[in-house]
Protein backbone atom coordinates (compact mmCIF):
# COMPACT_ATOMS: atom_id res chain seq x y z
CA MET A 1 26.65 -7.31 11.35
CA THR A 2 25.85 -9.84 14.10
CA SER A 3 23.97 -12.89 12.89
CA PRO A 4 21.06 -14.07 15.02
CA ALA A 5 21.05 -17.61 16.31
CA GLN A 6 18.89 -20.25 14.64
CA PRO A 7 15.36 -19.81 16.04
CA THR A 8 14.39 -22.59 18.42
CA GLY A 9 10.65 -22.08 18.62
CA PRO A 10 7.62 -20.86 16.65
CA SER A 11 6.36 -17.29 16.67
CA PRO A 12 2.60 -17.83 16.88
CA ARG A 13 1.87 -14.23 17.81
CA VAL A 14 3.27 -13.00 14.49
CA VAL A 15 2.02 -15.61 12.02
CA HIS A 16 -0.80 -18.13 12.03
CA ILE A 17 -0.34 -21.11 9.73
CA VAL A 18 -3.28 -23.24 8.67
CA ASP A 19 -2.93 -26.66 10.28
CA GLU A 20 -4.19 -28.73 7.39
CA VAL A 21 -3.93 -27.89 3.70
CA PRO A 22 -5.27 -30.89 1.74
CA GLU A 23 -3.87 -29.58 -1.55
CA LEU A 24 -0.34 -29.75 -0.11
CA GLU A 25 -0.43 -33.20 1.46
CA GLY A 26 2.67 -35.04 0.33
CA VAL A 27 3.95 -32.00 -1.58
CA SER A 28 7.45 -30.65 -0.91
CA GLY A 29 9.98 -28.47 -2.68
CA LEU A 30 7.56 -25.60 -3.28
CA PRO A 31 8.79 -22.16 -4.38
CA LEU A 32 7.69 -19.18 -2.28
CA LEU A 33 7.33 -15.87 -4.12
CA VAL A 34 7.64 -12.73 -1.96
CA ALA A 35 6.39 -9.30 -3.08
CA LEU A 36 5.80 -6.65 -0.42
CA GLU A 37 4.14 -3.30 -1.10
CA GLY A 38 6.00 -0.24 0.08
CA PHE A 39 9.68 0.58 -0.36
CA LEU A 40 10.63 -1.70 -3.29
CA ASP A 41 7.58 -1.13 -5.47
CA ALA A 42 8.26 1.65 -7.99
CA GLY A 43 5.61 1.65 -10.69
CA SER A 44 3.60 -0.70 -8.43
CA ALA A 45 5.37 -3.47 -10.34
CA GLY A 46 5.21 -5.99 -7.51
CA ALA A 47 1.67 -5.12 -6.45
CA LEU A 48 0.44 -5.35 -10.03
CA ALA A 49 2.21 -8.70 -10.48
CA CYS A 50 0.58 -10.03 -7.30
CA ARG A 51 -2.89 -8.96 -8.37
CA HIS A 52 -2.34 -10.77 -11.66
CA LEU A 53 -1.10 -13.94 -9.94
CA VAL A 54 -3.97 -14.00 -7.44
CA ARG A 55 -6.50 -13.47 -10.22
CA THR A 56 -5.08 -16.14 -12.54
CA GLY A 57 -3.35 -18.59 -10.21
CA ALA A 58 -6.33 -20.00 -8.30
CA SER A 59 -8.12 -23.20 -9.12
CA SER A 60 -11.56 -21.55 -8.78
CA PRO A 61 -12.91 -19.22 -11.49
CA GLU A 62 -13.23 -16.43 -8.90
CA GLY A 63 -9.49 -16.46 -8.21
CA GLY A 64 -7.98 -15.66 -4.85
CA GLY A 65 -6.30 -18.93 -4.03
CA VAL A 66 -6.22 -20.58 -0.60
CA VAL A 67 -4.80 -18.53 2.29
CA VAL A 68 -2.44 -20.86 4.15
CA ALA A 69 -0.87 -18.32 6.54
CA THR A 70 -1.74 -14.89 7.90
CA PHE A 71 0.50 -12.40 9.71
CA ASP A 72 -0.61 -10.26 12.65
CA VAL A 73 -0.33 -6.92 10.88
CA ASP A 74 -1.10 -5.04 14.12
CA GLN A 75 2.38 -5.99 15.31
CA LEU A 76 4.14 -5.07 12.07
CA HIS A 77 2.41 -1.98 10.66
CA ASP A 78 2.96 1.67 11.60
CA TYR A 79 -0.54 3.08 11.14
CA ARG A 80 0.52 6.70 11.66
CA ALA A 81 3.25 6.49 9.00
CA ARG A 82 1.06 4.69 6.47
CA ARG A 83 -2.54 5.43 7.31
CA PRO A 84 -4.93 2.93 5.66
CA PRO A 85 -7.65 4.58 3.56
CA MET A 86 -11.31 4.52 4.50
CA THR A 87 -14.50 6.10 3.20
CA PHE A 88 -16.51 8.92 4.72
CA ALA A 89 -20.04 8.58 3.33
CA ARG A 90 -21.90 11.85 3.94
CA ASP A 91 -22.25 11.46 7.71
CA HIS A 92 -20.45 8.28 8.73
CA TYR A 93 -17.27 6.27 8.22
CA GLU A 94 -17.23 2.98 6.34
CA GLY A 95 -15.09 0.84 4.05
CA TYR A 96 -11.90 0.64 6.11
CA ASP A 97 -9.14 -0.95 3.97
CA ALA A 98 -7.16 -2.78 6.61
CA PRO A 99 -3.59 -3.73 5.62
CA ARG A 100 -3.02 -7.45 5.12
CA LEU A 101 -0.03 -9.73 4.88
CA VAL A 102 -0.83 -13.29 3.83
CA VAL A 103 0.55 -16.39 2.16
CA ARG A 104 -1.60 -17.90 -0.59
CA LEU A 105 -1.46 -21.23 -2.34
CA LEU A 106 -1.67 -20.70 -6.10
CA HIS A 107 -1.07 -22.78 -9.24
CA ASP A 108 0.63 -21.92 -12.51
CA THR A 109 -0.90 -22.63 -15.92
CA GLY A 110 0.44 -26.18 -15.81
CA GLY A 111 -1.12 -26.87 -12.41
CA SER A 112 2.14 -26.71 -10.43
CA PRO A 113 1.59 -25.30 -6.92
CA TYR A 114 3.51 -22.39 -5.45
CA LEU A 115 3.15 -20.01 -2.51
CA LEU A 116 2.79 -16.23 -2.67
CA LEU A 117 3.57 -13.98 0.29
CA HIS A 118 2.18 -10.52 -0.40
CA GLY A 119 0.83 -7.44 1.32
CA SER A 120 2.21 -4.44 3.20
CA GLU A 121 5.92 -4.46 4.01
CA PRO A 122 6.37 -4.58 7.81
CA ASP A 123 7.36 -1.21 9.28
CA ILE A 124 8.67 -2.69 12.53
CA ARG A 125 9.79 -6.02 14.03
CA TRP A 126 11.68 -7.11 10.93
CA GLU A 127 13.55 -9.83 12.80
CA ALA A 128 10.29 -11.28 14.12
CA PHE A 129 8.89 -11.12 10.59
CA CYS A 130 11.89 -13.05 9.23
CA ARG A 131 11.50 -15.74 11.90
CA ALA A 132 7.81 -16.00 11.06
CA VAL A 133 8.59 -16.46 7.35
CA LEU A 134 11.13 -19.14 8.33
CA GLU A 135 8.32 -20.95 10.10
CA VAL A 136 6.27 -20.87 6.88
CA VAL A 137 9.25 -22.06 4.83
CA GLU A 138 9.88 -25.03 7.11
CA ARG A 139 6.22 -25.91 7.62
CA PHE A 140 5.55 -26.20 3.87
CA GLU A 141 9.04 -27.50 2.98
CA VAL A 142 9.78 -24.59 0.67
CA ALA A 143 12.83 -25.23 -1.53
CA LEU A 144 13.41 -21.69 -2.83
CA VAL A 145 12.28 -18.21 -1.82
CA VAL A 146 12.10 -15.73 -4.71
CA SER A 147 11.50 -12.03 -4.08
CA ILE A 148 10.59 -9.34 -6.59
CA GLY A 149 10.79 -5.57 -6.35
CA SER A 150 11.35 -2.41 -8.36
CA VAL A 151 13.22 0.86 -7.95
CA PRO A 152 13.11 4.17 -9.86
CA MET A 153 16.12 4.64 -12.15
CA ALA A 154 17.28 7.20 -14.71
CA VAL A 155 16.33 5.01 -17.67
CA PRO A 156 13.99 5.70 -20.62
CA HIS A 157 10.78 3.73 -21.04
CA THR A 158 11.71 3.06 -24.68
CA ARG A 159 14.48 0.63 -23.72
CA PRO A 160 14.18 -2.91 -22.31
CA ILE A 161 13.55 -3.20 -18.58
CA ALA A 162 16.85 -3.86 -16.82
CA ILE A 163 16.88 -6.35 -13.93
CA THR A 164 19.26 -6.57 -11.00
CA HIS A 165 19.72 -10.18 -9.84
CA HIS A 166 20.72 -11.08 -6.28
CA ALA A 167 20.89 -14.22 -4.14
CA ASN A 168 22.20 -15.57 -0.84
CA ASN A 169 23.69 -18.55 -2.72
CA PRO A 170 26.10 -17.80 -5.59
CA ASP A 171 24.96 -20.95 -7.42
CA LEU A 172 21.56 -19.33 -7.96
CA LEU A 173 22.94 -16.39 -9.95
CA LYS A 174 22.58 -16.80 -13.72
CA GLY A 175 24.52 -13.87 -15.09
CA THR A 176 26.98 -11.10 -14.39
CA SER A 177 25.94 -8.20 -12.19
CA PRO A 178 25.92 -4.80 -13.92
CA TRP A 179 27.13 -3.22 -10.67
CA ARG A 180 30.80 -2.82 -9.78
CA GLY A 181 32.09 -2.83 -6.23
CA GLU A 182 29.83 -2.22 -3.25
CA LEU A 183 26.83 0.06 -2.79
CA ARG A 184 25.33 1.27 0.47
CA VAL A 185 21.57 1.17 0.01
CA PRO A 186 18.56 1.58 2.30
CA SER A 187 17.51 -1.79 3.69
CA SER A 188 14.12 -3.42 3.33
CA ALA A 189 12.28 -6.29 4.97
CA GLN A 190 12.73 -8.34 1.79
CA ALA A 191 16.47 -7.75 1.72
CA LEU A 192 16.87 -8.67 5.39
CA LEU A 193 14.76 -11.80 4.82
CA GLU A 194 17.14 -12.96 2.09
CA VAL A 195 20.13 -12.42 4.38
CA ARG A 196 18.57 -14.25 7.32
CA LEU A 197 17.39 -17.17 5.19
CA GLY A 198 20.94 -17.63 3.97
CA GLU A 199 22.18 -17.69 7.57
CA TRP A 200 19.54 -20.31 8.33
CA SER A 201 20.61 -22.46 5.33
CA HIS A 202 17.64 -21.70 3.08
CA ASP A 203 18.10 -20.56 -0.52
CA GLY A 204 16.78 -17.16 -1.46
CA GLN A 205 17.12 -15.06 -4.58
CA GLY A 206 15.45 -12.04 -6.04
CA PHE A 207 14.99 -9.64 -8.90
CA VAL A 208 14.69 -5.85 -8.93
CA ALA A 209 13.30 -4.10 -12.00
CA HIS A 210 14.61 -0.66 -13.02
CA VAL A 211 11.54 1.54 -13.59
CA PRO A 212 11.83 4.90 -15.42
CA HIS A 213 11.83 7.39 -12.57
CA TYR A 214 9.39 9.72 -14.30
CA LEU A 215 6.83 6.88 -14.36
CA ALA A 216 7.47 5.51 -10.88
CA GLN A 217 4.18 6.88 -9.50
CA LEU A 218 2.09 5.13 -12.17
CA GLU A 219 1.25 1.47 -12.47
CA TYR A 220 3.85 0.27 -14.95
CA PRO A 221 2.97 -3.22 -16.30
CA PRO A 222 6.15 -3.68 -18.40
CA ALA A 223 8.15 -3.93 -15.17
CA SER A 224 5.71 -6.50 -13.77
CA ILE A 225 6.11 -8.60 -16.91
CA ALA A 226 9.90 -8.44 -16.74
CA LEU A 227 9.84 -9.57 -13.11
CA LEU A 228 7.44 -12.46 -13.67
CA GLU A 229 9.50 -13.66 -16.62
CA GLN A 230 12.44 -13.97 -14.23
CA VAL A 231 10.24 -15.76 -11.70
CA GLU A 232 9.26 -18.29 -14.36
CA LEU A 233 12.91 -19.16 -14.94
CA ALA A 234 13.98 -19.20 -11.31
CA ALA A 235 11.00 -21.08 -9.86
CA ARG A 236 10.31 -23.21 -12.95
CA LEU A 237 6.76 -21.95 -13.27
CA THR A 238 4.62 -21.16 -16.29
CA ILE A 239 2.60 -17.96 -15.91
CA ASP A 240 0.04 -16.66 -18.39
CA LEU A 241 1.06 -13.03 -18.95
CA THR A 242 -1.54 -12.22 -21.61
CA ALA A 243 -3.60 -9.82 -19.49
CA LEU A 244 -0.49 -8.01 -18.26
CA ARG A 245 0.81 -7.62 -21.81
CA GLU A 246 -2.49 -6.02 -22.82
CA LEU A 247 -2.21 -3.57 -19.91
CA ALA A 248 1.38 -2.82 -20.91
CA ASP A 249 0.33 -2.08 -24.49
CA GLU A 250 -2.35 0.30 -23.23
CA ARG A 251 0.08 2.13 -20.97
CA GLU A 252 2.73 2.42 -23.69
CA GLY A 253 0.06 3.81 -26.01
CA GLU A 254 -0.95 6.44 -23.45
CA ILE A 255 2.66 7.50 -22.96
CA GLY A 256 3.29 7.62 -26.71
CA ARG A 257 0.23 9.78 -27.35
CA TYR A 258 1.27 12.20 -24.64
CA LEU A 259 4.81 12.51 -25.99
CA SER A 260 3.48 13.09 -29.51
CA ALA A 261 1.42 16.01 -28.25
CA ASN A 262 4.14 17.48 -26.01
CA ALA A 263 7.38 18.06 -27.90
CA GLU A 264 9.19 19.53 -24.90
CA VAL A 265 8.67 16.39 -22.84
CA ALA A 266 9.61 14.21 -25.80
CA ASP A 267 12.91 16.11 -26.07
CA VAL A 268 13.70 15.37 -22.44
CA VAL A 269 13.04 11.65 -22.93
CA SER A 270 15.14 11.71 -26.11
CA ALA A 271 18.06 13.14 -24.15
CA LEU A 272 17.67 10.35 -21.62
CA GLU A 273 17.69 7.79 -24.46
CA GLN A 274 20.96 9.20 -25.80
CA GLN A 275 22.54 9.05 -22.36
CA TYR A 276 21.32 5.49 -21.85
CA ASP A 277 22.67 4.36 -25.23
CA THR A 278 26.02 5.99 -24.46
CA PHE A 279 26.20 4.00 -21.24
CA ALA A 280 25.29 0.78 -23.10
CA ARG A 281 27.94 1.29 -25.78
CA ALA A 282 30.59 2.02 -23.17
CA GLU A 283 29.71 -1.14 -21.29
CA ASP A 284 29.79 -3.26 -24.46
CA GLU A 285 33.22 -1.86 -25.28
CA GLY A 286 34.50 -2.45 -21.76
CA ASN A 287 34.94 1.23 -21.03
CA SER A 288 33.66 3.37 -18.20
CA LEU A 289 29.90 3.60 -17.86
CA LEU A 290 30.23 7.34 -17.25
CA ALA A 291 29.73 9.29 -20.46
CA SER A 292 31.70 12.49 -20.85
CA ASP A 293 30.16 15.88 -21.59
CA GLN A 294 26.60 14.55 -21.53
CA PRO A 295 24.88 15.46 -18.26
CA LEU A 296 22.10 13.11 -17.25
CA PRO A 297 18.69 14.76 -16.80
CA THR A 298 17.75 14.72 -13.13
CA GLY A 299 14.59 13.17 -11.73
CA GLU A 300 13.34 16.64 -10.78
CA GLU A 301 13.81 17.96 -14.32
CA ILE A 302 11.89 15.12 -15.92
CA GLY A 303 9.37 15.04 -13.08
CA GLN A 304 8.44 18.66 -13.70
CA GLN A 305 7.87 17.93 -17.37
CA PHE A 306 5.65 14.95 -16.56
CA GLU A 307 3.35 16.65 -14.06
CA GLN A 308 0.77 17.23 -16.79
CA PHE A 309 1.32 13.70 -18.05
CA LEU A 310 0.47 12.20 -14.66
CA ALA A 311 -2.59 14.43 -14.35
CA GLY A 312 -3.71 13.46 -17.83
CA LEU A 313 -3.76 9.78 -16.94
CA GLU A 314 -5.91 10.17 -13.86
CA GLY A 315 -8.98 8.03 -13.96
CA PRO A 316 -10.66 5.00 -12.35
CA ASP A 317 -8.56 1.87 -12.29
CA GLU A 318 -9.85 -1.69 -12.12
CA THR A 319 -10.08 -1.56 -8.32
CA GLY A 320 -12.10 1.64 -8.26
CA GLY A 321 -9.20 3.86 -7.17
CA GLN A 322 -7.14 6.35 -9.11
CA ALA A 323 -4.59 5.30 -11.67
């Protein structure tokens, strides 16, 4: 892979940065949290985490924080691939939900400031997007960029959320990777950003939560909690997770009630638990992670069983959409 040269100029057509931010005068060493909606957002873990941070991390009671940078989404979004929703009210159109990509200034429960870059993942011009983020990083003297994401995995919801750690600086890693060797995976704007920041001598690390694949289409708060707990450690922030924990308890209760009433689905999840535990024991004993004579249920098999489950949880969410 050819590394691009260090950018020599700003990219004003991609990002607009607020000239003066009184709250940040004399402040340096900020962490920048990145969570983009799209590819790396199984269970809406990142989107749910961002909503929680925006609601609780602002100095005003209304929440929202101060927008310190905005990206020109028209240059980054493929409208035909991801058509934004809008409302047709009897005889006219209204309520167009335009995609946004912004950087907000927020504060943790102790009053420490941090930046949050969130919104739709760019579909195109990834290199221009990375250069624009670099401009934000250097303008606000960001010390560390932390990204969060989530992927669907063949894991049961009854086990702790596993996290994959990654970083462009080995000194940032605080544990042993569960993966062996190399994997070829689809790229993302967040992944490319981490690579480019490393080439431009800026630290970047991230965390990916493993979401049960049969719940990947639902909002899954336990994954959001697991990610934000890692953010607290990496960025040295204190985040009030009370509201998210309440949502997680509600979701776990819904899943438990459904399994109690549907023995066939419960059997499928039980088989996945046995496979997961076999993997865990093998890893603890230093053996192969591949269990013999115990085929892993496929995503299609479990997905078919959970069609009724997903339908049963349909209802208005807090934003007025469908859960």
